[in-house]
Amino acid sequence: MFEKDLEIAFWLDFYGEVLSERKRTVLDYYYNDDLSLAEIAEEIGISRQGVRDLIKKAEEELRFYEEKLGLAARFRKTQTVAEHLLTLLREHGADGELQRAAEELAETVR
């Protein structure tokens, strides 16, 4: 068996809709439902090797999208900066409107 790259599960949230339904379903079973290759193969009616091949192809496709678009990386960066901003505002007693805006931003990217 091959090792799971959990970054793929994160990318699936961003780019899953551009994958074929079959690839998206297989990745969802594998990463989100934690099914084995054999369980997925039985569920969709193909061989374990067929499942493995689909997973690899779908992972490559997601990797391509992230390399080209970088949406997941930007989202993570936004989360980090929003949380840091909120922490700074709380520590320094910022005014209500500014702090509410920072809280809204941080909540949006959680």
Protein backbone atom coordinates (compact mmCIF):
# COMPACT_ATOMS: atom_id res chain seq x y z
CA MET A 1 0.00 0.00 0.00
CA PHE A 2 1.17 3.53 -0.57
CA GLU A 3 1.34 6.32 1.98
CA LYS A 4 -1.44 8.89 2.12
CA ASP A 5 -0.53 12.50 1.46
CA LEU A 6 -3.05 14.33 3.63
CA GLU A 7 -2.44 17.54 1.70
CA ILE A 8 -4.45 15.86 -1.07
CA ALA A 9 -7.52 15.77 1.18
CA PHE A 10 -7.18 19.53 1.67
CA TRP A 11 -6.80 20.11 -2.07
CA LEU A 12 -9.86 17.96 -2.67
CA ASP A 13 -11.92 20.59 -0.85
CA PHE A 14 -10.68 23.27 -3.25
CA TYR A 15 -10.52 21.48 -6.57
CA GLY A 16 -12.71 18.41 -6.14
CA GLU A 17 -15.48 19.78 -8.32
CA VAL A 18 -13.21 19.91 -11.37
CA LEU A 19 -12.37 16.21 -11.10
CA SER A 20 -14.52 13.63 -12.79
CA GLU A 21 -17.24 12.26 -10.53
CA ARG A 22 -15.49 8.89 -10.41
CA LYS A 23 -12.13 10.37 -9.36
CA ARG A 24 -13.78 12.64 -6.82
CA THR A 25 -15.74 9.72 -5.35
CA VAL A 26 -12.68 7.49 -5.08
CA LEU A 27 -10.62 10.24 -3.38
CA ASP A 28 -13.50 11.00 -1.05
CA TYR A 29 -13.75 7.34 -0.04
CA TYR A 30 -10.00 7.07 0.39
CA TYR A 31 -9.22 10.32 2.21
CA ASN A 32 -12.44 11.37 3.91
CA ASP A 33 -14.07 8.01 4.65
CA ASP A 34 -10.71 6.24 5.17
CA LEU A 35 -11.74 3.20 3.13
CA SER A 36 -9.08 0.75 2.01
CA LEU A 37 -8.31 0.10 -1.65
CA ALA A 38 -10.12 -3.23 -1.39
CA GLU A 39 -13.21 -1.61 0.15
CA ILE A 40 -13.31 1.06 -2.55
CA ALA A 41 -12.79 -1.56 -5.27
CA GLU A 42 -15.74 -3.54 -3.96
CA GLU A 43 -17.90 -0.42 -3.63
CA ILE A 44 -17.37 0.81 -7.21
CA GLY A 45 -16.81 -2.54 -8.89
CA ILE A 46 -13.20 -2.37 -10.10
CA SER A 47 -9.92 -3.98 -9.07
CA ARG A 48 -7.67 -2.75 -6.25
CA GLN A 49 -5.12 -1.82 -8.91
CA GLY A 50 -7.77 0.15 -10.75
CA VAL A 51 -8.56 2.06 -7.56
CA ARG A 52 -4.88 2.73 -6.94
CA ASP A 53 -4.46 4.02 -10.50
CA LEU A 54 -7.50 6.30 -10.16
CA ILE A 55 -6.18 7.69 -6.88
CA LYS A 56 -2.77 8.40 -8.38
CA LYS A 57 -4.25 10.10 -11.44
CA ALA A 58 -6.62 12.20 -9.34
CA GLU A 59 -3.80 13.18 -6.98
CA GLU A 60 -1.67 14.27 -9.92
CA GLU A 61 -4.56 16.33 -11.25
CA LEU A 62 -5.08 18.04 -7.88
CA ARG A 63 -1.35 18.69 -7.58
CA PHE A 64 -1.39 20.29 -11.02
CA TYR A 65 -4.26 22.61 -10.05
CA GLU A 66 -2.57 23.65 -6.83
CA GLU A 67 0.73 24.30 -8.60
CA LYS A 68 -1.01 26.47 -11.20
CA LEU A 69 -3.60 28.23 -9.05
CA GLY A 70 -2.29 28.04 -5.49
CA LEU A 71 -5.74 28.51 -3.94
CA ALA A 72 -5.16 26.18 -1.00
CA ALA A 73 -1.82 27.80 -0.14
CA ARG A 74 -3.36 31.27 -0.32
CA PHE A 75 -6.25 30.16 1.87
CA ARG A 76 -3.87 28.81 4.52
CA LYS A 77 -1.85 32.03 4.40
CA THR A 78 -5.04 34.07 4.80
CA GLN A 79 -6.05 31.94 7.80
CA THR A 80 -2.68 32.48 9.46
CA VAL A 81 -2.63 36.23 8.85
CA ALA A 82 -6.26 36.66 9.97
CA GLU A 83 -5.64 34.80 13.23
CA HIS A 84 -2.46 36.79 13.85
CA LEU A 85 -4.27 40.07 13.16
CA LEU A 86 -7.07 39.12 15.53
CA THR A 87 -4.58 38.20 18.24
CA LEU A 88 -2.75 41.52 17.86
CA LEU A 89 -5.98 43.50 17.98
CA ARG A 90 -7.13 41.70 21.12
CA GLU A 91 -3.75 42.18 22.82
CA HIS A 92 -3.63 45.89 22.02
CA GLY A 93 -7.25 46.69 22.77
CA ALA A 94 -8.32 47.79 19.30
CA ASP A 95 -11.59 49.61 18.86
CA GLY A 96 -14.79 47.61 18.48
CA GLU A 97 -15.37 48.06 14.75
CA LEU A 98 -11.83 47.08 13.76
CA GLN A 99 -11.85 44.06 16.05
CA ARG A 100 -15.28 42.94 14.78
CA ALA A 101 -14.01 43.14 11.20
CA ALA A 102 -10.95 41.07 12.09
CA GLU A 103 -13.13 38.51 13.89
CA GLU A 104 -15.39 38.29 10.85
CA LEU A 105 -12.39 37.74 8.59
CA ALA A 106 -10.93 35.09 10.90
CA GLU A 107 -14.30 33.32 11.12
CA THR A 108 -14.68 33.36 7.34
CA VAL A 109 -11.42 31.47 6.81
CA ARG A 110 -11.75 28.94 9.64
